[in-house]
Amino acid sequence: MKKTKTKSRRKIKTRPAPKNLEQRVLYHGPALRSEAFARALTDAKSCVNDPEGLDALFNQAARKAAAIPRDPFKENWPYLQTMLRLVRAYHRGEYDQVSDGALLWIIAALNYLIDPFDLIPDKTPFLGFLDDAAVIAFAVGKTRQALDDFMTWETAGS
């Protein structure tokens, strides 16, 4: 008697790809669905054309980045540093070759980073920066080309 193997075939249901940006954001994890991220995005919209706000954001985010552990950010740590330099150069009027959309995502991510009352408070041992890292990773994914272009501009001698 021969035994035959049968393979179980399960259909995997997938969601259709979201058509607009707001819908896509909803599928990128709890941090991006949080009130804290909504607040960071709203603050970013008001900060884009506010030189004093950009300067304050840069200063707060630079201080925070200097004090936080790098491990949760993994390969996105250099991009976080690039975000900071881009915001500073944009604020100073040295660099304006970034799209409004990319700048908005970068500013929103930095706003989230400096918010002590985000999804997982930064004081929570071991987990406090995981949500920050997730938001930075999301922003890097959305703005990688703009960040790479900025780094090219920097290395070309500004």
N, C-alpha and C. Protein backbone atom coordinates (compact mmCIF):
# COMPACT_ATOMS: atom_id res chain seq x y z
N MET A 1 0.82 -1.16 0.00
CA MET A 1 0.00 0.00 0.00
C MET A 1 0.89 1.25 0.00
N LYS A 2 0.62 2.12 -0.92
CA LYS A 2 1.39 3.36 -1.04
C LYS A 2 0.73 4.47 -0.26
N LYS A 3 1.58 5.21 0.44
CA LYS A 3 1.06 6.39 1.12
C LYS A 3 1.30 7.60 0.23
N THR A 4 0.34 8.40 0.12
CA THR A 4 0.51 9.63 -0.67
C THR A 4 0.42 10.81 0.28
N LYS A 5 1.28 11.73 0.03
CA LYS A 5 1.29 12.94 0.84
C LYS A 5 0.31 13.93 0.23
N THR A 6 -0.44 14.51 1.07
CA THR A 6 -1.34 15.55 0.60
C THR A 6 -0.90 16.86 1.22
N LYS A 7 -0.90 17.83 0.42
CA LYS A 7 -0.51 19.16 0.90
C LYS A 7 -1.76 19.96 1.20
N SER A 8 -1.72 20.57 2.31
CA SER A 8 -2.82 21.45 2.69
C SER A 8 -2.64 22.77 1.95
N ARG A 9 -3.67 23.17 1.30
CA ARG A 9 -3.60 24.45 0.58
C ARG A 9 -4.58 25.41 1.23
N ARG A 10 -3.99 26.39 1.87
CA ARG A 10 -4.82 27.41 2.48
C ARG A 10 -4.70 28.67 1.66
N LYS A 11 -5.81 29.29 1.49
CA LYS A 11 -5.77 30.58 0.81
C LYS A 11 -5.48 31.66 1.84
N ILE A 12 -4.57 32.49 1.50
CA ILE A 12 -4.22 33.60 2.37
C ILE A 12 -4.92 34.83 1.84
N LYS A 13 -5.71 35.41 2.71
CA LYS A 13 -6.43 36.61 2.30
C LYS A 13 -5.51 37.81 2.49
N THR A 14 -5.46 38.63 1.50
CA THR A 14 -4.65 39.84 1.60
C THR A 14 -5.55 41.05 1.40
N ARG A 15 -5.15 42.12 1.99
CA ARG A 15 -5.89 43.37 1.82
C ARG A 15 -5.41 44.05 0.56
N PRO A 16 -6.31 44.70 -0.14
CA PRO A 16 -5.84 45.47 -1.30
C PRO A 16 -4.95 46.61 -0.83
N ALA A 17 -4.03 46.99 -1.66
CA ALA A 17 -3.11 48.07 -1.33
C ALA A 17 -3.90 49.37 -1.16
N PRO A 18 -3.62 50.10 -0.10
CA PRO A 18 -4.30 51.38 0.11
C PRO A 18 -3.98 52.34 -1.02
N LYS A 19 -4.96 53.16 -1.36
CA LYS A 19 -4.79 54.05 -2.51
C LYS A 19 -4.21 55.40 -2.13
N ASN A 20 -4.44 55.85 -0.92
CA ASN A 20 -3.88 57.15 -0.58
C ASN A 20 -3.00 57.07 0.65
N LEU A 21 -2.27 58.11 0.88
CA LEU A 21 -1.27 58.14 1.94
C LEU A 21 -1.88 57.91 3.32
N GLU A 22 -3.02 58.54 3.61
CA GLU A 22 -3.62 58.39 4.92
C GLU A 22 -3.98 56.93 5.19
N GLN A 23 -4.48 56.24 4.19
CA GLN A 23 -4.81 54.83 4.37
C GLN A 23 -3.55 54.00 4.58
N ARG A 24 -2.47 54.29 3.87
CA ARG A 24 -1.25 53.51 4.02
C ARG A 24 -0.68 53.67 5.42
N VAL A 25 -0.76 54.87 5.98
CA VAL A 25 -0.23 55.12 7.32
C VAL A 25 -0.89 54.20 8.34
N LEU A 26 -2.17 53.92 8.18
CA LEU A 26 -2.90 53.11 9.14
C LEU A 26 -2.36 51.71 9.28
N TYR A 27 -1.64 51.20 8.32
CA TYR A 27 -1.16 49.83 8.35
C TYR A 27 0.28 49.69 8.81
N HIS A 28 0.89 50.71 9.33
CA HIS A 28 2.30 50.65 9.69
C HIS A 28 2.56 50.60 11.18
N GLY A 29 1.68 49.99 11.93
CA GLY A 29 1.96 49.73 13.33
C GLY A 29 1.30 50.69 14.29
N PRO A 30 1.26 50.27 15.53
CA PRO A 30 0.58 51.04 16.57
C PRO A 30 1.12 52.45 16.76
N ALA A 31 2.43 52.65 16.66
CA ALA A 31 2.97 53.99 16.88
C ALA A 31 2.42 54.97 15.86
N LEU A 32 2.24 54.52 14.63
CA LEU A 32 1.75 55.41 13.58
C LEU A 32 0.24 55.62 13.66
N ARG A 33 -0.43 54.79 14.43
CA ARG A 33 -1.87 54.96 14.63
C ARG A 33 -2.17 55.67 15.94
N SER A 34 -1.15 56.04 16.65
CA SER A 34 -1.34 56.63 17.97
C SER A 34 -1.71 58.10 17.89
N GLU A 35 -2.29 58.58 18.99
CA GLU A 35 -2.58 60.00 19.11
C GLU A 35 -1.29 60.82 19.07
N ALA A 36 -0.23 60.25 19.62
CA ALA A 36 1.06 60.95 19.64
C ALA A 36 1.57 61.20 18.23
N PHE A 37 1.41 60.23 17.32
CA PHE A 37 1.87 60.45 15.95
C PHE A 37 0.96 61.45 15.25
N ALA A 38 -0.34 61.38 15.50
CA ALA A 38 -1.26 62.36 14.91
C ALA A 38 -0.88 63.76 15.36
N ARG A 39 -0.53 63.89 16.64
CA ARG A 39 -0.09 65.18 17.19
C ARG A 39 1.22 65.62 16.53
N ALA A 40 2.17 64.68 16.36
CA ALA A 40 3.45 65.00 15.73
C ALA A 40 3.25 65.47 14.29
N LEU A 41 2.33 64.84 13.59
CA LEU A 41 2.05 65.23 12.19
C LEU A 41 1.38 66.60 12.13
N THR A 42 0.45 66.84 13.02
CA THR A 42 -0.20 68.15 13.07
C THR A 42 0.80 69.24 13.40
N ASP A 43 1.66 68.97 14.38
CA ASP A 43 2.70 69.94 14.75
C ASP A 43 3.67 70.17 13.59
N ALA A 44 3.95 69.12 12.84
CA ALA A 44 4.87 69.24 11.69
C ALA A 44 4.29 70.18 10.65
N LYS A 45 3.00 70.09 10.42
CA LYS A 45 2.35 70.95 9.41
C LYS A 45 2.47 72.42 9.79
N SER A 46 2.38 72.70 11.09
CA SER A 46 2.50 74.10 11.50
C SER A 46 3.95 74.55 11.61
N CYS A 47 4.86 73.61 11.69
CA CYS A 47 6.28 73.91 11.90
C CYS A 47 7.04 74.12 10.58
N VAL A 48 6.54 73.58 9.49
CA VAL A 48 7.26 73.62 8.21
C VAL A 48 7.66 75.04 7.81
N ASN A 49 6.76 75.97 7.97
CA ASN A 49 7.05 77.35 7.55
C ASN A 49 7.30 78.29 8.73
N ASP A 50 7.69 77.74 9.84
CA ASP A 50 7.95 78.52 11.05
C ASP A 50 9.43 78.40 11.41
N PRO A 51 10.24 79.39 11.03
CA PRO A 51 11.68 79.31 11.29
C PRO A 51 12.02 79.08 12.77
N GLU A 52 11.33 79.76 13.66
CA GLU A 52 11.60 79.59 15.09
C GLU A 52 11.23 78.18 15.54
N GLY A 53 10.12 77.66 15.02
CA GLY A 53 9.69 76.31 15.36
C GLY A 53 10.67 75.27 14.86
N LEU A 54 11.18 75.47 13.64
CA LEU A 54 12.18 74.53 13.10
C LEU A 54 13.46 74.56 13.91
N ASP A 55 13.88 75.75 14.30
CA ASP A 55 15.09 75.87 15.11
C ASP A 55 14.91 75.17 16.45
N ALA A 56 13.77 75.39 17.08
CA ALA A 56 13.49 74.74 18.37
C ALA A 56 13.43 73.23 18.21
N LEU A 57 12.78 72.77 17.15
CA LEU A 57 12.70 71.33 16.89
C LEU A 57 14.09 70.74 16.70
N PHE A 58 14.91 71.39 15.88
CA PHE A 58 16.26 70.89 15.66
C PHE A 58 17.02 70.77 16.98
N ASN A 59 16.97 71.83 17.78
CA ASN A 59 17.72 71.83 19.04
C ASN A 59 17.24 70.74 20.00
N GLN A 60 15.93 70.59 20.13
CA GLN A 60 15.39 69.56 21.03
C GLN A 60 15.72 68.16 20.50
N ALA A 61 15.55 67.95 19.20
CA ALA A 61 15.79 66.63 18.62
C ALA A 61 17.27 66.27 18.66
N ALA A 62 18.14 67.24 18.44
CA ALA A 62 19.59 66.98 18.50
C ALA A 62 20.00 66.59 19.92
N ARG A 63 19.46 67.30 20.92
CA ARG A 63 19.76 66.95 22.32
C ARG A 63 19.23 65.55 22.65
N LYS A 64 18.03 65.26 22.20
CA LYS A 64 17.44 63.94 22.47
C LYS A 64 18.25 62.85 21.80
N ALA A 65 18.62 63.05 20.53
CA ALA A 65 19.39 62.03 19.80
C ALA A 65 20.74 61.78 20.46
N ALA A 66 21.32 62.81 21.03
CA ALA A 66 22.62 62.64 21.69
C ALA A 66 22.50 61.84 22.99
N ALA A 67 21.31 61.78 23.55
CA ALA A 67 21.14 61.15 24.86
C ALA A 67 20.49 59.76 24.80
N ILE A 68 20.02 59.34 23.65
CA ILE A 68 19.28 58.07 23.59
C ILE A 68 20.17 56.93 23.10
N PRO A 69 19.78 55.70 23.41
CA PRO A 69 20.57 54.55 22.93
C PRO A 69 20.38 54.36 21.42
N ARG A 70 21.42 53.92 20.75
CA ARG A 70 21.38 53.72 19.31
C ARG A 70 20.74 52.38 18.92
N ASP A 71 20.84 51.41 19.79
CA ASP A 71 20.42 50.05 19.45
C ASP A 71 19.01 49.95 18.85
N PRO A 72 17.99 50.59 19.43
CA PRO A 72 16.66 50.42 18.85
C PRO A 72 16.55 50.94 17.41
N PHE A 73 17.42 51.85 17.03
CA PHE A 73 17.32 52.48 15.72
C PHE A 73 18.08 51.72 14.63
N LYS A 74 18.96 50.83 15.05
CA LYS A 74 19.74 49.96 14.16
C LYS A 74 20.28 50.70 12.95
N GLU A 75 19.95 50.21 11.74
CA GLU A 75 20.52 50.79 10.51
C GLU A 75 19.95 52.17 10.19
N ASN A 76 18.92 52.62 10.90
CA ASN A 76 18.35 53.93 10.63
C ASN A 76 19.02 55.05 11.43
N TRP A 77 19.97 54.70 12.29
CA TRP A 77 20.65 55.73 13.07
C TRP A 77 21.32 56.79 12.18
N PRO A 78 22.07 56.40 11.14
CA PRO A 78 22.67 57.43 10.28
C PRO A 78 21.62 58.30 9.60
N TYR A 79 20.48 57.72 9.27
CA TYR A 79 19.42 58.52 8.65
C TYR A 79 18.79 59.48 9.65
N LEU A 80 18.69 59.08 10.90
CA LEU A 80 18.20 60.01 11.92
C LEU A 80 19.13 61.21 12.00
N GLN A 81 20.43 60.96 11.99
CA GLN A 81 21.40 62.05 12.01
C GLN A 81 21.27 62.93 10.77
N THR A 82 21.00 62.29 9.63
CA THR A 82 20.82 63.03 8.38
C THR A 82 19.56 63.89 8.45
N MET A 83 18.49 63.37 9.04
CA MET A 83 17.27 64.16 9.22
C MET A 83 17.57 65.44 9.99
N LEU A 84 18.35 65.30 11.05
CA LEU A 84 18.70 66.46 11.86
C LEU A 84 19.49 67.49 11.04
N ARG A 85 20.48 67.02 10.30
CA ARG A 85 21.29 67.94 9.50
C ARG A 85 20.46 68.60 8.40
N LEU A 86 19.54 67.84 7.81
CA LEU A 86 18.69 68.39 6.75
C LEU A 86 17.79 69.50 7.32
N VAL A 87 17.17 69.25 8.46
CA VAL A 87 16.30 70.26 9.07
C VAL A 87 17.11 71.51 9.42
N ARG A 88 18.32 71.33 9.93
CA ARG A 88 19.16 72.49 10.25
C ARG A 88 19.51 73.27 8.99
N ALA A 89 19.92 72.58 7.94
CA ALA A 89 20.29 73.24 6.69
C ALA A 89 19.08 73.92 6.05
N TYR A 90 17.93 73.29 6.12
CA TYR A 90 16.70 73.89 5.58
C TYR A 90 16.35 75.14 6.37
N HIS A 91 16.41 75.05 7.69
CA HIS A 91 16.11 76.20 8.55
C HIS A 91 17.04 77.37 8.26
N ARG A 92 18.31 77.10 8.04
CA ARG A 92 19.29 78.15 7.78
C ARG A 92 19.20 78.70 6.36
N GLY A 93 18.39 78.08 5.52
CA GLY A 93 18.28 78.52 4.14
C GLY A 93 19.40 78.00 3.25
N GLU A 94 20.16 77.05 3.74
CA GLU A 94 21.29 76.50 2.98
C GLU A 94 20.84 75.42 1.99
N TYR A 95 19.71 74.79 2.29
CA TYR A 95 19.24 73.67 1.46
C TYR A 95 17.73 73.76 1.32
N ASP A 96 17.28 73.80 0.06
CA ASP A 96 15.83 73.87 -0.16
C ASP A 96 15.37 72.88 -1.22
N GLN A 97 16.18 71.89 -1.49
CA GLN A 97 15.88 70.93 -2.55
C GLN A 97 15.12 69.71 -2.03
N VAL A 98 14.35 69.88 -0.98
CA VAL A 98 13.56 68.79 -0.40
C VAL A 98 12.09 69.10 -0.66
N SER A 99 11.35 68.07 -1.02
CA SER A 99 9.92 68.29 -1.29
C SER A 99 9.18 68.59 0.01
N ASP A 100 8.05 69.26 -0.12
CA ASP A 100 7.25 69.57 1.06
C ASP A 100 6.82 68.30 1.77
N GLY A 101 6.46 67.27 1.00
CA GLY A 101 6.02 66.02 1.59
C GLY A 101 7.12 65.34 2.39
N ALA A 102 8.32 65.27 1.83
CA ALA A 102 9.44 64.64 2.53
C ALA A 102 9.78 65.43 3.79
N LEU A 103 9.79 66.74 3.67
CA LEU A 103 10.10 67.57 4.83
C LEU A 103 9.06 67.37 5.93
N LEU A 104 7.81 67.26 5.55
CA LEU A 104 6.74 67.04 6.52
C LEU A 104 6.93 65.73 7.28
N TRP A 105 7.25 64.64 6.57
CA TRP A 105 7.47 63.35 7.24
C TRP A 105 8.68 63.40 8.17
N ILE A 106 9.73 64.07 7.74
CA ILE A 106 10.94 64.18 8.57
C ILE A 106 10.64 64.97 9.84
N ILE A 107 9.96 66.09 9.69
CA ILE A 107 9.62 66.91 10.85
C ILE A 107 8.68 66.16 11.78
N ALA A 108 7.71 65.44 11.23
CA ALA A 108 6.79 64.66 12.06
C ALA A 108 7.55 63.61 12.86
N ALA A 109 8.49 62.92 12.21
CA ALA A 109 9.27 61.89 12.91
C ALA A 109 10.09 62.50 14.04
N LEU A 110 10.69 63.66 13.79
CA LEU A 110 11.48 64.32 14.84
C LEU A 110 10.57 64.82 15.96
N ASN A 111 9.39 65.31 15.61
CA ASN A 111 8.43 65.71 16.65
C ASN A 111 8.06 64.52 17.53
N TYR A 112 7.85 63.38 16.91
CA TYR A 112 7.51 62.17 17.67
C TYR A 112 8.68 61.78 18.59
N LEU A 113 9.87 61.88 18.06
CA LEU A 113 11.06 61.53 18.83
C LEU A 113 11.17 62.36 20.10
N ILE A 114 10.88 63.64 20.03
CA ILE A 114 11.06 64.51 21.20
C ILE A 114 9.87 64.48 22.16
N ASP A 115 8.78 63.85 21.75
CA ASP A 115 7.58 63.79 22.60
C ASP A 115 7.79 62.77 23.71
N PRO A 116 7.85 63.20 24.97
CA PRO A 116 8.05 62.25 26.06
C PRO A 116 6.80 61.41 26.36
N PHE A 117 5.66 61.83 25.82
CA PHE A 117 4.40 61.15 26.09
C PHE A 117 3.86 60.48 24.83
N ASP A 118 4.75 59.82 24.10
CA ASP A 118 4.32 59.12 22.89
C ASP A 118 3.74 57.76 23.28
N LEU A 119 3.59 56.87 22.33
CA LEU A 119 2.92 55.60 22.58
C LEU A 119 3.54 54.83 23.74
N ILE A 120 4.86 54.68 23.74
CA ILE A 120 5.57 54.04 24.85
C ILE A 120 6.47 55.12 25.45
N PRO A 121 6.15 55.58 26.65
CA PRO A 121 6.97 56.65 27.25
C PRO A 121 8.45 56.27 27.27
N ASP A 122 9.28 57.24 26.97
CA ASP A 122 10.73 57.00 26.85
C ASP A 122 11.35 56.48 28.14
N LYS A 123 10.73 56.72 29.27
CA LYS A 123 11.27 56.27 30.55
C LYS A 123 11.00 54.78 30.81
N THR A 124 10.21 54.14 29.95
CA THR A 124 9.91 52.72 30.12
C THR A 124 11.16 51.91 29.79
N PRO A 125 11.68 51.15 30.77
CA PRO A 125 12.91 50.39 30.54
C PRO A 125 12.79 49.43 29.35
N PHE A 126 13.81 49.37 28.56
CA PHE A 126 13.97 48.47 27.41
C PHE A 126 13.05 48.79 26.23
N LEU A 127 11.85 49.28 26.47
CA LEU A 127 10.87 49.46 25.39
C LEU A 127 10.65 50.91 24.99
N GLY A 128 11.13 51.83 25.80
CA GLY A 128 10.79 53.24 25.64
C GLY A 128 11.11 53.86 24.30
N PHE A 129 12.09 53.31 23.58
CA PHE A 129 12.47 53.91 22.31
C PHE A 129 12.07 53.06 21.10
N LEU A 130 11.41 51.94 21.34
CA LEU A 130 11.01 51.09 20.21
C LEU A 130 10.00 51.78 19.31
N ASP A 131 9.05 52.49 19.90
CA ASP A 131 8.07 53.20 19.08
C ASP A 131 8.73 54.35 18.33
N ASP A 132 9.66 55.04 18.98
CA ASP A 132 10.39 56.12 18.31
C ASP A 132 11.15 55.55 17.11
N ALA A 133 11.80 54.42 17.32
CA ALA A 133 12.56 53.79 16.24
C ALA A 133 11.65 53.36 15.09
N ALA A 134 10.45 52.89 15.42
CA ALA A 134 9.50 52.49 14.38
C ALA A 134 9.07 53.69 13.54
N VAL A 135 8.84 54.81 14.20
CA VAL A 135 8.43 56.02 13.47
C VAL A 135 9.59 56.53 12.62
N ILE A 136 10.80 56.51 13.15
CA ILE A 136 11.96 56.94 12.36
C ILE A 136 12.12 56.02 11.16
N ALA A 137 11.98 54.71 11.36
CA ALA A 137 12.11 53.76 10.24
C ALA A 137 11.04 54.03 9.18
N PHE A 138 9.83 54.32 9.61
CA PHE A 138 8.76 54.64 8.67
C PHE A 138 9.12 55.90 7.87
N ALA A 139 9.57 56.94 8.58
CA ALA A 139 9.92 58.20 7.91
C ALA A 139 11.10 58.00 6.95
N VAL A 140 12.06 57.19 7.34
CA VAL A 140 13.19 56.90 6.46
C VAL A 140 12.68 56.22 5.19
N GLY A 141 11.77 55.27 5.36
CA GLY A 141 11.20 54.59 4.20
C GLY A 141 10.48 55.54 3.25
N LYS A 142 9.81 56.53 3.81
CA LYS A 142 9.06 57.49 3.00
C LYS A 142 9.98 58.54 2.36
N THR A 143 11.14 58.79 2.97
CA THR A 143 11.96 59.93 2.53
C THR A 143 13.39 59.54 2.16
N ARG A 144 13.64 58.26 2.00
CA ARG A 144 15.02 57.80 1.76
C ARG A 144 15.69 58.53 0.59
N GLN A 145 14.97 58.71 -0.50
CA GLN A 145 15.58 59.38 -1.65
C GLN A 145 15.94 60.83 -1.32
N ALA A 146 15.06 61.51 -0.61
CA ALA A 146 15.34 62.89 -0.22
C ALA A 146 16.54 62.96 0.72
N LEU A 147 16.64 62.00 1.64
CA LEU A 147 17.78 61.96 2.57
C LEU A 147 19.07 61.64 1.82
N ASP A 148 19.00 60.69 0.89
CA ASP A 148 20.18 60.36 0.08
C ASP A 148 20.61 61.55 -0.78
N ASP A 149 19.64 62.25 -1.35
CA ASP A 149 19.95 63.44 -2.15
C ASP A 149 20.64 64.51 -1.30
N PHE A 150 20.14 64.66 -0.08
CA PHE A 150 20.75 65.64 0.83
C PHE A 150 22.19 65.26 1.16
N MET A 151 22.43 63.97 1.43
CA MET A 151 23.81 63.52 1.73
C MET A 151 24.72 63.74 0.52
N THR A 152 24.19 63.52 -0.68
CA THR A 152 24.98 63.78 -1.89
C THR A 152 25.32 65.27 -1.97
N TRP A 153 24.35 66.11 -1.70
CA TRP A 153 24.57 67.55 -1.69
C TRP A 153 25.64 67.94 -0.66
N GLU A 154 25.56 67.33 0.53
CA GLU A 154 26.56 67.61 1.57
C GLU A 154 27.96 67.23 1.13
N THR A 155 28.10 66.07 0.54
CA THR A 155 29.44 65.60 0.17
C THR A 155 29.98 66.31 -1.05
N ALA A 156 29.10 66.92 -1.82
CA ALA A 156 29.54 67.67 -3.01
C ALA A 156 30.09 69.05 -2.63
N GLY A 157 30.09 69.34 -1.35
CA GLY A 157 30.65 70.62 -0.91
C GLY A 157 29.62 71.67 -0.67
N SER A 158 28.36 71.27 -0.62
CA SER A 158 27.26 72.19 -0.34
C SER A 158 27.21 73.26 -1.36
